[in-house]
Amino acid sequence: MTTATTTRRGLFVAPFDALADPRVVGDLAAEAEAAGWDGFFVWDHLQYGDRVSEIADPWTCCAAVAMRTERLLFGPMVTPLARRRPQVLARQASSLAVLSGGRFVLGLGLGDDWVGEFSAFGDEPDPRTRGRMLDEGLDVLRGLLSGEAVDHVGDHHVARGVRFRPAPVVPIWLAGRFGNRPPLRRAARHDGFFVIGLDGPDDLDAVTADLAEHDPAPGFEVVVDLRPDQDPRDWTGRGASWVLTRIGPFDLDLAAVRRIVAAGP
């Protein structure tokens, strides 16, 4: 398998409570860029249980990051495509790519209904059905982002004879839990795999071996996230092209977050 060879470091930020203000998120992204981080990715949730009371919209946060930085890669990590309309998402993604000069990454996944992210709003709660919606939505989304004509009538989405411009490059990373093979296979057809739930760096060997069976494209990204107290050196050189430091989700203190950001990668 050919993957990106340099391990880059980013932040994986929950815009919750003390960080539930896009202006604060924009400030943190500017501070992260100054401290030498390579990426800044925000969680996409509508609710997160009783311990989180305030949540910011990730798309507004992404616009703030785009305007406050010049070098960082950024994006939502991850957006459940099954609760989105691919045509609206395509417009948002392409606009953020243009706004940032090509630094936007679109993280997508199945999503989880453990706190009613779907069922509380009348969205599809069944993960198998959401998986089919995700696959079909990806086909429509990639077609629209390509700038080519799209003519699709499916079980979940319709796009009849449409073409979207502008069509900047928008990398798509798919998320999935370690050991769950369908998300890995899905990710291998796109630009990266954000693998969740690794027990240790040795698990990366299994991930990269499984990915190699599906022959992802050159430059394919393998992305992991760690707690701030985990040593990223244990993970670099083990097949991960991105190692993210997780900020959140609970009991966020802005001063403590700023110290992590200022410390750099």
Protein backbone atom coordinates (compact mmCIF):
# COMPACT_ATOMS: atom_id res chain seq x y z
CA MET A 1 0.00 0.00 0.00
CA THR A 2 1.25 3.49 -0.87
CA THR A 3 0.34 6.05 1.75
CA ALA A 4 1.50 9.53 2.66
CA THR A 5 4.99 9.12 4.16
CA THR A 6 5.35 12.07 6.52
CA THR A 7 3.49 11.94 9.83
CA ARG A 8 1.68 15.19 10.40
CA ARG A 9 0.19 16.39 13.67
CA GLY A 10 -3.20 17.93 14.16
CA LEU A 11 -5.82 18.79 16.76
CA PHE A 12 -9.18 17.02 17.01
CA VAL A 13 -11.39 19.57 18.76
CA ALA A 14 -14.88 19.17 20.21
CA PRO A 15 -16.59 22.60 19.90
CA PHE A 16 -18.45 22.03 23.15
CA ASP A 17 -19.21 24.16 26.20
CA ALA A 18 -16.17 26.44 26.75
CA LEU A 19 -15.35 26.01 23.04
CA ALA A 20 -18.94 26.35 21.78
CA ASP A 21 -18.22 29.72 20.17
CA PRO A 22 -16.90 29.87 16.57
CA ARG A 23 -14.89 32.97 17.49
CA VAL A 24 -13.05 30.99 20.17
CA VAL A 25 -12.49 28.12 17.74
CA GLY A 26 -11.07 30.57 15.20
CA ASP A 27 -8.74 31.98 17.85
CA LEU A 28 -7.56 28.49 18.79
CA ALA A 29 -6.90 27.61 15.16
CA ALA A 30 -4.78 30.74 14.71
CA GLU A 31 -2.87 29.86 17.87
CA ALA A 32 -2.43 26.28 16.63
CA GLU A 33 -0.99 27.43 13.34
CA ALA A 34 1.45 29.73 15.14
CA ALA A 35 2.49 26.83 17.40
CA GLY A 36 3.32 24.58 14.44
CA TRP A 37 0.34 22.23 14.23
CA ASP A 38 -0.50 20.93 10.75
CA GLY A 39 -4.26 20.41 11.05
CA PHE A 40 -7.32 21.46 13.02
CA PHE A 41 -10.42 19.26 12.84
CA VAL A 42 -13.75 19.81 14.62
CA TRP A 43 -16.33 17.30 15.80
CA ASP A 44 -19.79 17.35 14.20
CA HIS A 45 -22.56 16.63 16.72
CA LEU A 46 -26.06 17.90 17.41
CA GLN A 47 -26.02 16.67 21.00
CA TYR A 48 -23.63 14.72 23.21
CA GLY A 49 -25.39 13.59 26.34
CA ASP A 50 -26.02 15.22 29.71
CA ARG A 51 -22.39 16.20 30.34
CA VAL A 52 -22.34 18.58 27.34
CA SER A 53 -24.73 21.53 27.40
CA GLU A 54 -23.51 23.81 24.58
CA ILE A 55 -22.38 22.85 21.06
CA ALA A 56 -21.24 25.02 18.15
CA ASP A 57 -22.06 24.37 14.50
CA PRO A 58 -18.98 22.79 12.86
CA TRP A 59 -19.52 24.49 9.50
CA THR A 60 -19.50 27.95 11.04
CA CYS A 61 -16.40 26.89 12.98
CA CYS A 62 -14.74 25.70 9.76
CA ALA A 63 -15.40 29.07 8.13
CA ALA A 64 -13.81 30.78 11.14
CA VAL A 65 -10.77 28.49 10.87
CA ALA A 66 -10.47 29.18 7.14
CA MET A 67 -10.47 32.94 7.73
CA ARG A 68 -8.06 32.91 10.67
CA THR A 69 -5.37 30.61 9.20
CA GLU A 70 -3.21 30.32 6.10
CA ARG A 71 -1.54 26.90 6.32
CA LEU A 72 -3.59 24.49 8.46
CA LEU A 73 -5.64 21.71 6.93
CA PHE A 74 -9.06 21.61 8.56
CA GLY A 75 -12.54 20.20 8.33
CA PRO A 76 -15.33 18.35 10.15
CA MET A 77 -14.25 15.06 11.67
CA VAL A 78 -16.66 13.49 11.08
CA THR A 79 -19.99 14.40 9.47
CA PRO A 80 -22.66 11.65 9.32
CA LEU A 81 -23.65 11.87 5.67
CA ALA A 82 -26.91 9.99 6.28
CA ARG A 83 -28.43 13.05 7.98
CA ARG A 84 -27.28 15.44 5.26
CA ARG A 85 -28.42 16.22 1.71
CA PRO A 86 -25.40 15.53 -0.53
CA GLN A 87 -26.14 18.47 -2.81
CA VAL A 88 -26.14 20.94 0.09
CA LEU A 89 -23.02 19.36 1.55
CA ALA A 90 -21.27 19.60 -1.83
CA ARG A 91 -21.94 23.34 -1.98
CA GLN A 92 -20.68 23.83 1.57
CA ALA A 93 -17.56 21.75 1.01
CA SER A 94 -16.59 23.43 -2.26
CA SER A 95 -17.16 26.89 -0.79
CA LEU A 96 -14.92 26.09 2.20
CA ALA A 97 -12.27 24.73 -0.15
CA VAL A 98 -12.34 27.96 -2.14
CA LEU A 99 -12.44 30.12 1.00
CA SER A 100 -9.36 28.39 2.39
CA GLY A 101 -7.33 28.16 -0.80
CA GLY A 102 -7.65 24.36 -0.98
CA ARG A 103 -7.05 23.40 2.68
CA PHE A 104 -10.45 21.85 3.44
CA VAL A 105 -10.80 18.11 4.17
CA LEU A 106 -14.24 16.50 4.35
CA GLY A 107 -14.48 13.83 7.05
CA LEU A 108 -17.50 11.55 6.69
CA GLY A 109 -18.86 8.54 8.51
CA LEU A 110 -21.85 6.52 9.58
CA GLY A 111 -22.53 8.35 12.82
CA ASP A 112 -23.84 6.89 16.07
CA ASP A 113 -27.28 7.14 17.66
CA TRP A 114 -26.13 6.51 21.23
CA VAL A 115 -27.50 9.86 22.48
CA GLY A 116 -30.27 10.21 19.91
CA GLU A 117 -28.21 11.97 17.23
CA PHE A 118 -30.62 10.50 14.67
CA SER A 119 -33.70 9.14 16.42
CA ALA A 120 -34.38 12.29 18.46
CA PHE A 121 -34.87 14.23 15.23
CA GLY A 122 -36.69 11.62 13.16
CA ASP A 123 -33.59 10.66 11.18
CA GLU A 124 -32.71 7.07 10.31
CA PRO A 125 -31.66 5.19 13.49
CA ASP A 126 -30.75 1.85 11.88
CA PRO A 127 -26.99 1.65 11.20
CA ARG A 128 -27.34 -0.78 8.28
CA THR A 129 -29.75 1.56 6.53
CA ARG A 130 -27.48 4.51 7.28
CA GLY A 131 -24.63 2.53 5.73
CA ARG A 132 -26.57 2.20 2.48
CA MET A 133 -27.47 5.89 2.64
CA LEU A 134 -23.81 6.72 3.18
CA ASP A 135 -22.65 4.73 0.17
CA GLU A 136 -25.27 6.19 -2.13
CA GLY A 137 -24.70 9.68 -0.77
CA LEU A 138 -20.97 9.35 -1.39
CA ASP A 139 -21.60 8.52 -5.04
CA VAL A 140 -23.76 11.61 -5.46
CA LEU A 141 -21.42 13.82 -3.45
CA ARG A 142 -18.28 12.77 -5.33
CA GLY A 143 -20.06 13.31 -8.62
CA LEU A 144 -21.14 16.81 -7.68
CA LEU A 145 -17.71 17.73 -6.31
CA SER A 146 -16.09 16.56 -9.56
CA GLY A 147 -17.78 19.30 -11.57
CA GLU A 148 -19.09 16.72 -14.02
CA ALA A 149 -22.73 16.10 -14.91
CA VAL A 150 -24.60 13.94 -12.40
CA ASP A 151 -27.78 12.04 -13.21
CA HIS A 152 -28.82 9.86 -10.28
CA VAL A 153 -32.12 8.47 -9.07
CA GLY A 154 -31.61 6.09 -6.15
CA ASP A 155 -33.31 4.74 -3.07
CA HIS A 156 -32.31 7.72 -0.93
CA HIS A 157 -31.07 10.55 -3.18
CA VAL A 158 -31.97 12.21 -6.46
CA ALA A 159 -29.79 14.45 -8.65
CA ARG A 160 -31.24 14.79 -12.14
CA GLY A 161 -28.94 16.15 -14.83
CA VAL A 162 -27.04 18.64 -12.64
CA ARG A 163 -23.51 20.00 -12.68
CA PHE A 164 -21.91 21.93 -9.82
CA ARG A 165 -19.18 24.55 -10.23
CA PRO A 166 -16.73 25.60 -8.91
CA ALA A 167 -15.18 22.19 -8.42
CA PRO A 168 -12.10 22.53 -6.22
CA VAL A 169 -10.32 19.44 -4.94
CA VAL A 170 -11.93 18.21 -1.71
CA PRO A 171 -10.24 15.18 -0.09
CA ILE A 172 -12.68 12.81 1.62
CA TRP A 173 -11.62 10.83 4.67
CA LEU A 174 -13.95 8.09 5.93
CA ALA A 175 -14.12 7.14 9.59
CA GLY A 176 -14.65 3.74 11.16
CA ARG A 177 -13.94 1.76 14.30
CA PHE A 178 -10.95 -0.54 14.45
CA GLY A 179 -11.88 -4.08 13.50
CA ASN A 180 -15.01 -3.07 11.58
CA ARG A 181 -14.21 -4.02 7.99
CA PRO A 182 -16.98 -2.28 5.97
CA PRO A 183 -15.79 1.24 6.92
CA LEU A 184 -12.21 0.27 6.04
CA ARG A 185 -13.28 -1.01 2.62
CA ARG A 186 -15.33 2.16 2.08
CA ALA A 187 -12.43 4.39 3.10
CA ALA A 188 -10.00 2.62 0.75
CA ARG A 189 -12.05 3.88 -2.21
CA HIS A 190 -11.55 7.49 -1.14
CA ASP A 191 -8.69 9.60 0.26
CA GLY A 192 -8.15 8.56 3.85
CA PHE A 193 -9.21 6.43 6.82
CA PHE A 194 -9.77 7.94 10.26
CA VAL A 195 -9.56 4.84 12.42
CA ILE A 196 -11.26 5.05 15.81
CA GLY A 197 -10.75 2.85 18.85
CA LEU A 198 -7.20 1.58 18.46
CA ASP A 199 -5.92 -0.06 21.64
CA GLY A 200 -2.27 0.63 20.84
CA PRO A 201 0.19 1.39 18.05
CA ASP A 202 0.56 -2.30 17.19
CA ASP A 203 -3.02 -2.21 15.92
CA LEU A 204 -1.85 0.03 13.09
CA ASP A 205 -0.07 -2.95 11.55
CA ALA A 206 -3.41 -4.71 11.17
CA VAL A 207 -5.01 -1.57 9.71
CA THR A 208 -2.34 -1.00 7.09
CA ALA A 209 -2.29 -4.70 6.18
CA ASP A 210 -6.05 -4.71 5.68
CA LEU A 211 -5.93 -1.50 3.67
CA ALA A 212 -3.23 -2.93 1.40
CA GLU A 213 -5.65 -5.65 0.32
CA HIS A 214 -7.88 -2.92 -1.15
CA ASP A 215 -5.11 -1.00 -2.96
CA PRO A 216 -5.89 2.61 -1.95
CA ALA A 217 -4.59 5.40 -4.16
CA PRO A 218 -1.12 6.94 -3.67
CA GLY A 219 -1.14 9.56 -0.93
CA PHE A 220 -3.88 7.79 1.01
CA GLU A 221 -4.01 9.08 4.60
CA VAL A 222 -4.22 6.92 7.73
CA VAL A 223 -5.43 9.05 10.64
CA VAL A 224 -5.48 8.29 14.37
CA ASP A 225 -6.36 10.39 17.40
CA LEU A 226 -4.81 10.30 20.86
CA ARG A 227 -5.55 11.75 24.25
CA PRO A 228 -3.29 14.65 25.28
CA ASP A 229 -1.52 12.37 27.80
CA GLN A 230 -0.54 9.80 25.13
CA ASP A 231 2.91 10.03 23.57
CA PRO A 232 2.58 10.57 19.79
CA ARG A 233 6.10 9.24 19.27
CA ASP A 234 4.75 5.75 19.91
CA TRP A 235 2.55 6.12 16.82
CA THR A 236 4.74 7.93 14.31
CA GLY A 237 6.52 5.68 11.85
CA ARG A 238 3.90 2.96 12.39
CA GLY A 239 1.76 3.65 9.33
CA ALA A 240 -0.19 6.70 10.50
CA SER A 241 0.24 9.72 8.26
CA TRP A 242 -1.75 11.91 10.68
CA VAL A 243 -1.69 11.75 14.49
CA LEU A 244 -4.31 13.99 16.07
CA THR A 245 -4.47 15.15 19.68
CA ARG A 246 -8.01 14.96 21.03
CA ILE A 247 -9.46 18.03 22.77
CA GLY A 248 -12.67 17.10 24.61
CA PRO A 249 -15.38 16.16 24.88
CA PHE A 250 -16.04 16.72 28.59
CA ASP A 251 -15.24 19.38 31.19
CA LEU A 252 -13.40 21.62 28.76
CA ASP A 253 -11.40 24.43 30.29
CA LEU A 254 -10.31 27.11 27.83
CA ALA A 255 -7.07 27.95 29.65
CA ALA A 256 -6.07 24.26 29.73
CA VAL A 257 -6.91 23.86 26.04
CA ARG A 258 -4.79 26.88 25.18
CA ARG A 259 -1.84 25.33 27.00
CA ILE A 260 -2.13 22.15 24.91
CA VAL A 261 -2.38 24.17 21.72
CA ALA A 262 0.55 26.44 22.62
CA ALA A 263 2.77 23.46 23.46
CA GLY A 264 2.75 22.53 19.77
CA PRO A 265 2.97 19.10 18.18
